[in-house]
Amino acid sequence: MTNRVFWSVLGVILFGWIVLFFLFVWPKMQAYEDVTKKLSRSNKAIQKYARMDAEQLPTEDLVEAQEKYLNNWRKQIDRAEQFHSNRAALFVEGVVSDLSSWSTRYRDDFDLLESRYRKHVGIDDAVELPFAVQEDTNDSSQIAAYERRWRVQKDLVDRIISIRGASIEELIIDRKTRRSRVDETGGLIKFPVTLRAFVPPTRVGSIVDGLLRHDFIDFEVRHLAMSKDRESLLYEVVEQVGENVEGLDSEPSVRLLLELDVIEEVAATNTDKERG
């Protein structure tokens, strides 16, 4: 009986020591380890500076120059974000808020674009167009989104119409958007566009250049490809072009594939939300 009491008391004492160790000693050991790691990092930094020549050591002027550089870099980022925001605003500038008025004007503008394209490629009304009118445009809260897609469609069709002998094989503008995140704080809202067309090869560069230089539509070229049909390479007569005469559009067209992303708007960052 006495031995059992002894071992019970001893067990309680040992358990108490363990509890005290984790309550008081263990946190101190962790703090000591953290301080040791910090001192080790500081020692490595000191050793790095110790191996430098005098002219390589950081000076007050160098620190100020680095701070100035970082401040300028932040300003450039802010300017870039403002640039995208301004272009996003221009994208829907002048759009009416009344759905009925917008729909009437949109249908009229689309009919005019259709007529111009049919005349350009020489097809009658019975032939199906390679691009479609927007359907289900019944949500008044989405007028800006409808307008953006219409302006993208009109811009691309106008570019093809402006090139002699060019035509559209297919033009698809996706109604779904996706977010392209730079980091967890925000990103750009985009929608994809696919254009397949037949154009003279010398005009491909000007098409891409015009898209990237657009005043208010933010085009991004995701994929570009060109191919030639064998039939277009087998022609007997080559048109002779005189000096200072525009005749390059008469060469055989290539099939152009352009996969684009159009930036619809800049997503608000957490910082912007906090400021708001």
Protein backbone atom coordinates (compact mmCIF):
# COMPACT_ATOMS: atom_id res chain seq x y z
CA MET A 1 0.00 0.00 0.00
CA THR A 2 2.86 2.32 0.91
CA ASN A 3 4.65 1.59 -2.40
CA ARG A 4 1.52 2.33 -4.36
CA VAL A 5 1.11 5.72 -2.66
CA PHE A 6 4.80 6.51 -3.27
CA TRP A 7 4.59 5.83 -6.99
CA SER A 8 1.34 7.75 -7.28
CA VAL A 9 2.89 10.80 -5.61
CA LEU A 10 5.99 10.46 -7.77
CA GLY A 11 3.84 10.27 -10.91
CA VAL A 12 1.96 13.42 -9.91
CA ILE A 13 5.24 15.26 -9.31
CA LEU A 14 6.65 14.20 -12.68
CA PHE A 15 3.42 15.22 -14.45
CA GLY A 16 3.61 18.59 -12.70
CA TRP A 17 7.20 19.08 -13.88
CA ILE A 18 6.17 18.31 -17.45
CA VAL A 19 3.30 20.79 -17.28
CA LEU A 20 5.57 23.47 -15.84
CA PHE A 21 8.15 22.76 -18.56
CA PHE A 22 5.65 23.37 -21.36
CA LEU A 23 4.13 26.38 -19.62
CA PHE A 24 7.30 28.27 -18.70
CA VAL A 25 10.41 26.70 -20.23
CA TRP A 26 9.22 25.77 -23.73
CA PRO A 27 8.07 29.31 -24.71
CA LYS A 28 11.42 30.69 -23.57
CA MET A 29 13.24 28.11 -25.68
CA GLN A 30 11.17 29.10 -28.71
CA ALA A 31 11.87 32.78 -28.12
CA TYR A 32 15.56 32.01 -27.73
CA GLU A 33 15.54 30.06 -31.00
CA ASP A 34 13.85 32.97 -32.81
CA VAL A 35 16.40 35.44 -31.46
CA THR A 36 19.21 33.07 -32.46
CA LYS A 37 17.90 32.86 -36.03
CA LYS A 38 17.56 36.65 -36.22
CA LEU A 39 21.12 37.11 -34.96
CA SER A 40 22.34 34.53 -37.45
CA ARG A 41 20.71 36.42 -40.33
CA SER A 42 22.15 39.69 -39.07
CA ASN A 43 25.59 38.08 -38.82
CA LYS A 44 25.34 36.87 -42.44
CA ALA A 45 24.44 40.40 -43.54
CA ILE A 46 27.37 41.82 -41.58
CA GLN A 47 29.69 39.28 -43.12
CA LYS A 48 28.43 40.24 -46.59
CA TYR A 49 29.18 43.89 -45.93
CA ALA A 50 32.55 42.98 -44.37
CA ARG A 51 33.65 41.41 -47.67
CA MET A 52 32.73 44.54 -49.65
CA ASP A 53 35.12 47.27 -50.63
CA ALA A 54 34.53 50.73 -49.20
CA GLU A 55 33.00 52.05 -52.42
CA GLN A 56 30.56 49.13 -52.51
CA LEU A 57 29.07 49.76 -49.07
CA PRO A 58 25.55 51.26 -49.06
CA THR A 59 25.59 54.98 -48.48
CA GLU A 60 22.90 57.47 -47.59
CA ASP A 61 22.78 58.60 -51.22
CA LEU A 62 22.35 55.02 -52.40
CA VAL A 63 19.51 54.40 -49.95
CA GLU A 64 17.81 57.62 -51.07
CA ALA A 65 18.24 56.65 -54.73
CA GLN A 66 16.72 53.22 -54.08
CA GLU A 67 13.78 54.76 -52.23
CA LYS A 68 13.27 57.24 -55.08
CA TYR A 69 13.35 54.40 -57.61
CA LEU A 70 10.75 52.40 -55.65
CA ASN A 71 8.51 55.47 -55.31
CA ASN A 72 8.74 56.12 -59.06
CA TRP A 73 7.97 52.47 -59.73
CA ARG A 74 4.83 52.68 -57.57
CA LYS A 75 3.78 55.85 -59.43
CA GLN A 76 4.21 54.05 -62.77
CA ILE A 77 2.00 51.19 -61.53
CA ASP A 78 -0.65 53.70 -60.40
CA ARG A 79 -0.48 55.44 -63.80
CA ALA A 80 -0.86 52.11 -65.61
CA GLU A 81 -3.90 51.21 -63.50
CA GLN A 82 -5.40 54.66 -64.16
CA PHE A 83 -4.72 54.25 -67.89
CA HIS A 84 -6.67 50.99 -67.99
CA SER A 85 -9.48 52.54 -65.94
CA ASN A 86 -9.72 55.51 -68.32
CA ARG A 87 -9.81 53.25 -71.38
CA ALA A 88 -12.50 51.14 -69.74
CA ALA A 89 -14.56 54.31 -69.26
CA LEU A 90 -14.06 55.35 -72.91
CA PHE A 91 -15.15 51.87 -73.96
CA VAL A 92 -18.76 52.66 -73.03
CA GLU A 93 -18.72 56.45 -73.39
CA GLY A 94 -22.01 57.80 -74.73
CA VAL A 95 -24.00 54.62 -74.13
CA VAL A 96 -27.67 55.30 -73.40
CA SER A 97 -29.21 53.84 -70.26
CA ASP A 98 -32.59 53.05 -71.79
CA LEU A 99 -32.67 49.46 -73.08
CA SER A 100 -35.34 50.12 -75.71
CA SER A 101 -33.45 53.05 -77.22
CA TRP A 102 -30.18 51.13 -77.16
CA SER A 103 -31.74 48.06 -78.82
CA THR A 104 -33.28 50.14 -81.63
CA ARG A 105 -30.02 51.92 -82.39
CA TYR A 106 -28.04 48.66 -82.13
CA ARG A 107 -30.28 46.84 -84.62
CA ASP A 108 -30.04 49.74 -87.07
CA ASP A 109 -26.24 49.89 -86.76
CA PHE A 110 -25.90 46.13 -87.16
CA ASP A 111 -28.11 46.14 -90.28
CA LEU A 112 -25.89 48.85 -91.77
CA LEU A 113 -22.72 46.88 -90.94
CA GLU A 114 -24.26 43.75 -92.48
CA SER A 115 -25.15 45.64 -95.67
CA ARG A 116 -21.64 47.08 -95.97
CA TYR A 117 -20.01 43.67 -95.46
CA ARG A 118 -22.26 41.92 -98.00
CA LYS A 119 -21.44 44.60 -100.54
CA HIS A 120 -17.71 44.28 -99.78
CA VAL A 121 -17.54 40.52 -100.32
CA GLY A 122 -20.29 40.40 -102.97
CA ILE A 123 -22.82 38.08 -101.31
CA ASP A 124 -26.59 38.38 -101.34
CA ASP A 125 -29.03 38.30 -98.44
CA ALA A 126 -29.55 34.54 -98.69
CA VAL A 127 -25.95 33.78 -97.69
CA GLU A 128 -25.37 33.39 -93.94
CA LEU A 129 -23.05 35.94 -92.35
CA PRO A 130 -19.84 34.78 -90.64
CA PHE A 131 -20.72 36.96 -87.62
CA ALA A 132 -23.97 37.12 -85.67
CA VAL A 133 -26.18 39.69 -84.05
CA GLN A 134 -26.35 39.56 -80.27
CA GLU A 135 -29.36 37.68 -78.92
CA ASP A 136 -31.06 37.88 -75.53
CA THR A 137 -30.12 41.51 -74.96
CA ASN A 138 -32.98 42.01 -72.49
CA ASP A 139 -31.12 42.88 -69.29
CA SER A 140 -30.94 46.65 -68.79
CA SER A 141 -28.11 46.23 -66.27
CA GLN A 142 -25.95 44.67 -69.02
CA ILE A 143 -26.25 47.44 -71.63
CA ALA A 144 -22.59 48.41 -71.17
CA ALA A 145 -21.50 44.77 -71.73
CA TYR A 146 -23.68 44.52 -74.86
CA GLU A 147 -22.22 47.77 -76.18
CA ARG A 148 -18.62 46.66 -75.61
CA ARG A 149 -19.14 43.50 -77.62
CA TRP A 150 -20.86 45.40 -80.40
CA ARG A 151 -18.00 47.91 -80.62
CA VAL A 152 -15.45 45.09 -80.78
CA GLN A 153 -17.45 43.32 -83.50
CA LYS A 154 -17.88 46.49 -85.55
CA ASP A 155 -14.20 47.40 -85.24
CA LEU A 156 -13.03 44.00 -86.50
CA VAL A 157 -15.54 43.87 -89.36
CA ASP A 158 -14.63 47.44 -90.38
CA ARG A 159 -10.96 46.46 -90.56
CA ILE A 160 -11.76 43.61 -92.93
CA ILE A 161 -14.03 45.80 -95.06
CA SER A 162 -11.23 48.35 -95.43
CA ILE A 163 -8.96 45.74 -97.11
CA ARG A 164 -9.63 44.87 -100.73
CA GLY A 165 -10.16 41.13 -101.21
CA ALA A 166 -10.35 40.37 -97.48
CA SER A 167 -13.21 38.39 -95.99
CA ILE A 168 -14.25 36.85 -92.69
CA GLU A 169 -14.47 33.12 -92.25
CA GLU A 170 -15.73 33.29 -88.67
CA LEU A 171 -15.97 35.92 -85.92
CA ILE A 172 -16.92 34.78 -82.42
CA ILE A 173 -17.27 37.13 -79.48
CA ASP A 174 -17.80 35.33 -76.20
CA ARG A 175 -20.38 36.76 -73.84
CA LYS A 176 -18.71 35.19 -70.81
CA THR A 177 -16.02 37.09 -68.93
CA ARG A 178 -13.12 35.84 -66.88
CA ARG A 179 -10.77 37.41 -64.38
CA SER A 180 -7.05 37.45 -65.07
CA ARG A 181 -5.42 37.89 -61.69
CA VAL A 182 -2.02 39.46 -61.27
CA ASP A 183 -2.18 38.70 -57.57
CA GLU A 184 -4.78 38.08 -54.92
CA THR A 185 -5.69 41.78 -54.68
CA GLY A 186 -7.40 42.10 -58.05
CA GLY A 187 -6.96 41.88 -61.81
CA LEU A 188 -8.49 42.52 -65.20
CA ILE A 189 -11.91 41.37 -66.39
CA LYS A 190 -11.67 40.09 -69.99
CA PHE A 191 -13.76 38.38 -72.65
CA PRO A 192 -12.31 36.26 -75.49
CA VAL A 193 -12.67 36.98 -79.22
CA THR A 194 -11.78 34.68 -82.13
CA LEU A 195 -11.37 35.95 -85.69
CA ARG A 196 -10.73 33.73 -88.70
CA ALA A 197 -10.32 35.66 -91.92
CA PHE A 198 -8.73 35.68 -95.37
CA VAL A 199 -6.46 38.68 -95.83
CA PRO A 200 -3.41 39.62 -97.97
CA PRO A 201 -0.31 38.67 -95.97
CA THR A 202 1.11 42.18 -96.17
CA ARG A 203 -1.93 43.49 -94.26
CA VAL A 204 -1.63 41.19 -91.25
CA GLY A 205 0.92 43.43 -89.54
CA SER A 206 -1.22 46.53 -89.95
CA ILE A 207 -4.27 44.72 -88.55
CA VAL A 208 -2.42 43.66 -85.40
CA ASP A 209 -0.76 47.05 -85.04
CA GLY A 210 -4.13 48.79 -85.33
CA LEU A 211 -5.66 46.55 -82.68
CA LEU A 212 -2.85 47.12 -80.20
CA ARG A 213 -2.90 50.89 -80.81
CA HIS A 214 -6.67 51.23 -80.47
CA ASP A 215 -7.81 54.40 -78.73
CA PHE A 216 -10.24 52.82 -76.29
CA ILE A 217 -10.50 49.06 -76.86
CA ASP A 218 -7.83 47.14 -74.97
CA PHE A 219 -7.02 44.23 -77.28
CA GLU A 220 -4.54 41.55 -76.20
CA VAL A 221 -3.26 39.09 -78.79
CA ARG A 222 -3.32 35.63 -77.21
CA HIS A 223 -2.58 33.62 -80.36
CA LEU A 224 -1.83 34.48 -83.98
CA ALA A 225 -1.42 32.01 -86.85
CA MET A 226 -1.31 32.19 -90.64
CA SER A 227 -1.54 29.52 -93.30
CA LYS A 228 -1.72 29.38 -97.10
CA ASP A 229 -3.90 27.06 -99.16
CA ARG A 230 -2.01 25.16 -101.84
CA GLU A 231 -4.45 26.41 -104.46
CA SER A 232 -3.57 30.01 -103.67
CA LEU A 233 0.08 29.29 -104.44
CA LEU A 234 -0.65 27.90 -107.93
CA TYR A 235 -1.46 30.91 -110.05
CA GLU A 236 -0.10 31.62 -113.51
CA VAL A 237 -0.25 35.40 -113.75
CA VAL A 238 1.48 37.70 -111.31
CA GLU A 239 0.19 41.23 -111.47
CA GLN A 240 2.97 43.70 -112.20
CA VAL A 241 2.81 46.63 -109.82
CA GLY A 242 4.28 49.93 -110.87
CA GLU A 243 6.28 52.27 -108.67
CA ASN A 244 4.35 54.12 -105.96
CA VAL A 245 1.21 52.16 -106.80
CA GLU A 246 -0.80 50.35 -104.14
CA GLY A 247 -1.28 46.88 -105.54
CA LEU A 248 -0.25 44.59 -102.74
CA ASP A 249 -3.84 43.59 -101.98
CA SER A 250 -3.94 41.63 -105.24
CA GLU A 251 -1.61 38.91 -103.93
CA PRO A 252 -3.16 35.60 -102.74
CA SER A 253 -4.76 35.87 -99.31
CA VAL A 254 -3.69 33.84 -96.31
CA ARG A 255 -5.95 32.33 -93.68
CA LEU A 256 -5.50 34.39 -90.53
CA LEU A 257 -6.38 33.17 -87.05
CA LEU A 258 -6.48 35.76 -84.29
CA GLU A 259 -7.37 34.76 -80.74
CA LEU A 260 -7.80 37.89 -78.67
CA ASP A 261 -8.68 38.93 -75.16
CA VAL A 262 -10.49 42.22 -74.69
CA ILE A 263 -10.11 43.95 -71.33
CA GLU A 264 -13.62 44.87 -70.24
CA GLU A 265 -12.82 46.56 -66.96
CA VAL A 266 -10.31 46.73 -64.13
CA ALA A 267 -11.44 44.75 -61.09
CA ALA A 268 -11.40 46.71 -57.86
CA THR A 269 -8.53 45.78 -55.55
CA ASN A 270 -8.87 45.30 -51.82
CA THR A 271 -7.04 48.60 -51.33
CA ASP A 272 -9.50 50.40 -53.59
CA LYS A 273 -12.41 48.87 -51.67
CA GLU A 274 -10.92 50.03 -48.38
CA ARG A 275 -10.46 53.55 -49.78
CA GLY A 276 -14.04 53.53 -50.98
